[in-house]
Amino acid sequence: MKSAMDYIDDRIEEKLLHLHTSYLGTAVGINPDGTFDVQPLTLTKAIGGKSKQQAVVKNVYCLDDVAINVRTGDVVVCLVCERDISEAVLGNSTLPSVGHHQMKDSIIIGTIGSLGAVHDSALIADNKAEQEEGGSDPETPIPVVGGMTAKQKKCVEWAMSQVGKAGFNSYRNGYCNSTNWCARFVSSAYAFATGTYPGGDAKDFPHSHPINLNNTSDIPIGACIVSKGYPVGGKYYGHVALYVGKGYVVEAGGAKIRYSPLAQSIGRKCGFYGWGMPVNLN
């Protein structure tokens, strides 16, 4: 029979194992909404029982500038928040459950031994082309992808030439700022390459193919990447970006036109719908 002191020791150990302020884990999955599934490296223990592995923590949020570096299999550093994370991301101050911080309210703040950002010179090269005044940053890399068709090349080159600008000259509508015209931007890229202008709201673009951030090899160059977007005047019009190969997109929708990894794109932050091909780029 256990003594009272043994019982107290077990209680203390249990409480300590359940008091989480931070922990290490392994990223075991990337979700379409940009969150991660994490297997904690800490253990759990019931009173009188044996220590055992924690359950996988689902849908863990990640700092934007860290997300690009996280791959499945990486060891990640997770910080446990002092409020309900689902409310915190909306800016609401909600207290955690009574007793201890819950691991489900954690966020990824860093990696250990991460693969890091893509720097493979076979995939990305410097853009040596001249930049028009007020245009894109000459440091912006252009994806180098073998086997592109002439139409794919024109589509990607036009989109890349707009990176860093606060707006663009659309195919049909004259000058548009970057902030609200993601669909006009992608439609213009197709039109300048093919003469076909899809038009419509972002959510009207085809998006029947699911997006797997762990494997983007099935997404063709020039595909449109469609997501939920953010509400404008209480209505969701969606968001669309242009896939330019090797896991990168070019997108309007923020203060400037951006060249971003899918894992760090606007679409990932607000939730992907899928990808599609609204025009023939063969």
Protein backbone atom coordinates (compact mmCIF):
# COMPACT_ATOMS: atom_id res chain seq x y z
CA MET A 1 0.00 0.00 0.00
CA LYS A 2 1.28 3.40 -0.87
CA SER A 3 2.06 5.80 1.91
CA ALA A 4 0.50 9.23 2.15
CA MET A 5 3.81 10.71 1.08
CA ASP A 6 3.90 8.53 -2.07
CA TYR A 7 0.39 9.68 -2.89
CA ILE A 8 1.40 13.33 -2.47
CA ASP A 9 4.47 12.75 -4.67
CA ASP A 10 2.25 11.27 -7.39
CA ARG A 11 -0.13 14.22 -7.18
CA ILE A 12 2.71 16.72 -7.44
CA GLU A 13 4.20 14.86 -10.42
CA GLU A 14 0.82 14.72 -12.16
CA LYS A 15 0.23 18.45 -11.65
CA LEU A 16 3.70 19.33 -12.90
CA LEU A 17 3.25 17.20 -16.02
CA HIS A 18 -0.02 19.02 -16.74
CA LEU A 19 1.31 22.53 -16.16
CA HIS A 20 2.37 23.64 -19.60
CA THR A 21 3.93 26.98 -20.41
CA SER A 22 6.02 25.68 -23.31
CA TYR A 23 7.05 22.36 -24.80
CA LEU A 24 8.94 20.73 -27.66
CA GLY A 25 7.10 18.68 -30.25
CA THR A 26 7.37 17.15 -33.70
CA ALA A 27 5.34 18.61 -36.57
CA VAL A 28 3.44 15.60 -37.91
CA GLY A 29 1.07 17.33 -40.31
CA ILE A 30 0.26 20.59 -42.11
CA ASN A 31 -3.42 21.50 -42.43
CA PRO A 32 -5.10 23.40 -45.30
CA ASP A 33 -5.91 26.29 -42.95
CA GLY A 34 -2.21 26.83 -42.24
CA THR A 35 -2.19 25.23 -38.80
CA PHE A 36 -0.01 22.28 -37.78
CA ASP A 37 -0.55 18.99 -35.96
CA VAL A 38 2.14 18.53 -33.31
CA GLN A 39 3.23 15.44 -31.38
CA PRO A 40 4.53 16.71 -28.01
CA LEU A 41 7.81 15.25 -26.80
CA THR A 42 6.63 15.62 -23.19
CA LEU A 43 4.95 12.79 -21.30
CA THR A 44 1.75 12.53 -19.29
CA LYS A 45 0.98 10.44 -16.21
CA ALA A 46 -2.10 9.58 -14.21
CA ILE A 47 -1.89 9.05 -10.45
CA GLY A 48 -0.34 5.67 -9.81
CA GLY A 49 0.06 5.00 -13.53
CA LYS A 50 3.00 4.92 -15.88
CA SER A 51 4.22 7.86 -17.92
CA LYS A 52 3.07 7.73 -21.53
CA GLN A 53 3.19 9.75 -24.72
CA GLN A 54 0.92 12.76 -25.08
CA ALA A 55 -1.82 12.77 -27.71
CA VAL A 56 -1.18 14.75 -30.91
CA VAL A 57 -2.20 18.40 -30.52
CA LYS A 58 -4.35 19.33 -33.51
CA ASN A 59 -4.51 22.65 -35.38
CA VAL A 60 -1.64 24.46 -33.67
CA TYR A 61 -1.21 28.03 -34.90
CA CYS A 62 2.22 29.28 -35.98
CA LEU A 63 3.92 32.68 -36.16
CA ASP A 64 3.77 33.94 -39.75
CA ASP A 65 7.51 34.39 -40.15
CA VAL A 66 8.17 30.91 -38.72
CA ALA A 67 5.61 28.98 -40.77
CA ILE A 68 7.72 29.08 -43.93
CA ASN A 69 10.42 27.05 -42.17
CA VAL A 70 8.25 24.32 -40.69
CA ARG A 71 8.17 20.95 -42.44
CA THR A 72 6.74 17.65 -41.25
CA GLY A 73 9.27 15.90 -39.07
CA ASP A 74 10.76 19.14 -37.70
CA VAL A 75 11.10 19.64 -33.96
CA VAL A 76 9.13 22.76 -33.06
CA VAL A 77 9.09 25.02 -30.01
CA CYS A 78 5.55 25.60 -28.77
CA LEU A 79 4.46 28.31 -26.34
CA VAL A 80 1.24 27.72 -24.39
CA CYS A 81 -0.94 30.81 -24.25
CA GLU A 82 -2.67 32.18 -21.16
CA ARG A 83 -5.98 32.46 -22.98
CA ASP A 84 -8.11 30.51 -25.42
CA ILE A 85 -6.11 30.66 -28.67
CA SER A 86 -9.24 30.39 -30.84
CA GLU A 87 -10.43 33.65 -29.29
CA ALA A 88 -6.97 35.23 -29.08
CA VAL A 89 -6.49 35.10 -32.88
CA LEU A 90 -9.65 37.20 -33.12
CA GLY A 91 -8.27 39.73 -30.64
CA ASN A 92 -10.56 38.65 -27.80
CA SER A 93 -9.27 38.29 -24.22
CA THR A 94 -10.56 34.93 -23.03
CA LEU A 95 -9.16 33.12 -19.98
CA PRO A 96 -7.99 29.49 -20.24
CA SER A 97 -9.72 26.64 -18.44
CA VAL A 98 -9.34 26.63 -14.67
CA GLY A 99 -6.38 24.63 -13.42
CA HIS A 100 -3.62 24.92 -15.99
CA HIS A 101 -2.73 26.11 -19.45
CA GLN A 102 -4.03 23.71 -22.06
CA MET A 103 -1.74 22.37 -24.78
CA LYS A 104 -4.44 22.97 -27.38
CA ASP A 105 -3.92 26.69 -26.78
CA SER A 106 -0.32 26.61 -27.96
CA ILE A 107 1.43 28.33 -30.85
CA ILE A 108 4.64 27.43 -32.69
CA ILE A 109 7.27 30.11 -32.13
CA GLY A 110 10.32 28.42 -33.62
CA THR A 111 11.99 25.28 -34.92
CA ILE A 112 15.01 23.21 -34.02
CA GLY A 113 16.86 21.70 -36.94
CA SER A 114 14.35 23.00 -39.49
CA LEU A 115 14.97 22.67 -43.21
CA GLY A 116 14.58 26.43 -43.40
CA ALA A 117 13.59 28.54 -46.38
CA VAL A 118 14.24 27.34 -49.90
CA HIS A 119 17.65 28.39 -51.17
CA ASP A 120 18.23 25.79 -53.91
CA SER A 121 19.85 27.65 -56.81
CA ALA A 122 18.44 25.06 -59.20
CA LEU A 123 14.94 26.20 -58.27
CA ILE A 124 15.37 29.96 -57.75
CA ALA A 125 17.60 32.46 -59.55
CA ASP A 126 18.10 36.19 -59.18
CA ASN A 127 16.01 38.40 -61.39
CA LYS A 128 18.56 40.18 -63.56
CA ALA A 129 15.99 41.91 -65.75
CA GLU A 130 15.74 45.69 -65.63
CA GLN A 131 13.05 46.98 -63.31
CA GLU A 132 10.85 49.86 -64.32
CA GLU A 133 10.87 52.81 -61.96
CA GLY A 134 8.71 52.12 -58.90
CA GLY A 135 8.49 48.47 -59.92
CA SER A 136 9.50 45.27 -58.22
CA ASP A 137 12.49 44.80 -56.01
CA PRO A 138 15.48 43.72 -58.14
CA GLU A 139 16.36 41.26 -55.35
CA THR A 140 13.10 39.36 -55.92
CA PRO A 141 13.91 35.85 -57.19
CA ILE A 142 12.21 34.38 -60.25
CA PRO A 143 11.38 30.67 -60.21
CA VAL A 144 13.41 28.66 -62.70
CA VAL A 145 11.29 25.71 -63.77
CA GLY A 146 12.08 23.42 -66.67
CA GLY A 147 9.52 22.48 -69.28
CA MET A 148 7.30 25.58 -69.10
CA THR A 149 5.17 26.27 -72.15
CA ALA A 150 5.40 29.66 -73.86
CA LYS A 151 2.06 30.67 -72.34
CA GLN A 152 3.07 29.59 -68.83
CA LYS A 153 6.30 31.55 -69.20
CA LYS A 154 4.48 34.72 -70.30
CA CYS A 155 1.97 34.38 -67.47
CA VAL A 156 4.66 33.93 -64.80
CA GLU A 157 6.93 36.64 -66.21
CA TRP A 158 4.15 39.24 -66.22
CA ALA A 159 3.13 38.38 -62.65
CA MET A 160 6.74 38.47 -61.42
CA SER A 161 7.29 41.85 -63.08
CA GLN A 162 4.60 43.32 -60.79
CA VAL A 163 6.09 42.06 -57.50
CA GLY A 164 6.71 44.86 -55.02
CA LYS A 165 4.33 47.32 -56.67
CA ALA A 166 1.39 48.91 -54.89
CA GLY A 167 -0.80 48.31 -57.95
CA PHE A 168 -0.84 47.11 -61.56
CA ASN A 169 -2.21 47.99 -64.98
CA SER A 170 -4.88 45.38 -65.52
CA TYR A 171 -5.79 43.92 -68.90
CA ARG A 172 -9.31 45.42 -68.89
CA ASN A 173 -9.77 47.88 -66.06
CA GLY A 174 -6.80 50.21 -66.17
CA TYR A 175 -4.80 50.80 -63.00
CA CYS A 176 -5.87 48.78 -59.93
CA ASN A 177 -4.34 48.96 -56.48
CA SER A 178 -3.07 45.76 -54.90
CA THR A 179 -5.30 45.86 -51.85
CA ASN A 180 -8.64 44.73 -53.26
CA TRP A 181 -8.06 43.37 -56.75
CA CYS A 182 -6.55 39.89 -56.47
CA ALA A 183 -8.96 38.45 -59.08
CA ARG A 184 -8.20 41.22 -61.61
CA PHE A 185 -4.48 40.60 -61.06
CA VAL A 186 -4.70 36.86 -61.79
CA SER A 187 -7.12 37.42 -64.68
CA SER A 188 -4.70 39.95 -66.17
CA ALA A 189 -1.78 37.51 -65.91
CA TYR A 190 -3.79 34.97 -67.91
CA ALA A 191 -4.98 37.58 -70.41
CA PHE A 192 -1.53 39.03 -71.12
CA ALA A 193 -0.33 35.47 -71.81
CA THR A 194 -3.32 34.07 -73.73
CA GLY A 195 -5.85 36.82 -74.52
CA THR A 196 -8.40 35.02 -72.30
CA TYR A 197 -9.63 37.00 -69.28
CA PRO A 198 -11.53 34.80 -66.74
CA GLY A 199 -12.94 37.68 -64.64
CA GLY A 200 -15.38 37.31 -61.76
CA ASP A 201 -14.79 37.23 -58.01
CA ALA A 202 -11.92 35.17 -56.62
CA LYS A 203 -14.28 32.46 -55.36
CA ASP A 204 -15.62 32.08 -58.94
CA PHE A 205 -12.26 30.70 -60.12
CA PRO A 206 -12.10 26.89 -60.37
CA HIS A 207 -10.74 25.24 -57.22
CA SER A 208 -11.80 21.60 -57.18
CA HIS A 209 -8.30 20.19 -56.52
CA PRO A 210 -7.19 20.04 -52.86
CA ILE A 211 -3.92 21.65 -51.75
CA ASN A 212 -1.35 19.60 -49.86
CA LEU A 213 1.42 21.81 -48.49
CA ASN A 214 3.59 18.73 -47.97
CA ASN A 215 3.53 17.97 -51.70
CA THR A 216 2.86 20.71 -54.27
CA SER A 217 4.24 18.76 -57.24
CA ASP A 218 0.72 18.12 -58.56
CA ILE A 219 -0.04 21.85 -58.92
CA PRO A 220 0.76 23.00 -62.48
CA ILE A 221 2.51 26.29 -63.14
CA GLY A 222 -0.10 28.95 -63.81
CA ALA A 223 -2.80 27.34 -61.67
CA CYS A 224 -4.98 29.63 -59.58
CA ILE A 225 -4.91 29.10 -55.82
CA VAL A 226 -8.30 29.95 -54.33
CA SER A 227 -9.07 30.55 -50.66
CA LYS A 228 -11.81 31.94 -48.45
CA GLY A 229 -10.31 35.43 -48.21
CA TYR A 230 -11.34 38.04 -45.67
CA PRO A 231 -14.77 39.70 -45.48
CA VAL A 232 -15.24 43.01 -47.29
CA GLY A 233 -18.32 44.88 -46.12
CA GLY A 234 -19.48 41.71 -44.39
CA LYS A 235 -19.26 39.60 -47.57
CA TYR A 236 -16.67 37.01 -48.60
CA TYR A 237 -15.43 37.44 -52.16
CA GLY A 238 -12.59 34.97 -51.72
CA HIS A 239 -8.91 35.36 -52.53
CA VAL A 240 -6.96 34.07 -55.53
CA ALA A 241 -3.23 33.86 -56.23
CA LEU A 242 -1.17 32.66 -59.20
CA TYR A 243 0.97 29.56 -58.71
CA VAL A 244 4.41 30.10 -60.29
CA GLY A 245 6.08 26.80 -59.40
CA LYS A 246 8.19 25.18 -56.69
CA GLY A 247 5.72 26.01 -53.93
CA TYR A 248 5.50 29.78 -54.62
CA VAL A 249 2.68 32.13 -55.59
CA VAL A 250 2.38 35.73 -56.73
CA GLU A 251 -0.61 37.53 -55.25
CA ALA A 252 -2.24 40.91 -54.96
CA GLY A 253 -4.42 41.64 -51.97
CA GLY A 254 -2.10 43.37 -49.51
CA ALA A 255 -0.36 46.72 -49.58
CA LYS A 256 1.97 45.40 -52.31
CA ILE A 257 2.00 42.54 -54.78
CA ARG A 258 3.88 39.69 -53.15
CA TYR A 259 5.97 36.69 -54.20
CA SER A 260 5.46 34.21 -51.35
CA PRO A 261 5.71 30.52 -50.48
CA LEU A 262 2.28 28.90 -50.30
CA ALA A 263 2.96 28.28 -46.61
CA GLN A 264 3.24 32.04 -46.03
CA SER A 265 0.57 33.26 -48.45
CA ILE A 266 -2.65 35.14 -47.76
CA GLY A 267 -4.56 32.05 -48.81
CA ARG A 268 -2.99 29.89 -46.17
CA LYS A 269 -3.79 32.38 -43.44
CA CYS A 270 -7.48 32.57 -44.30
CA GLY A 271 -7.97 28.97 -45.45
CA PHE A 272 -7.45 27.31 -48.85
CA TYR A 273 -10.35 26.07 -50.97
CA GLY A 274 -8.18 24.45 -53.65
CA TRP A 275 -6.56 25.02 -57.04
CA GLY A 276 -7.78 24.99 -60.63
CA MET A 277 -6.90 25.96 -64.22
CA PRO A 278 -9.32 28.60 -65.59
CA VAL A 279 -7.42 28.95 -68.91
CA ASN A 280 -5.41 26.66 -71.15
CA LEU A 281 -1.71 27.47 -70.84
CA ASN A 282 -0.48 24.60 -73.04
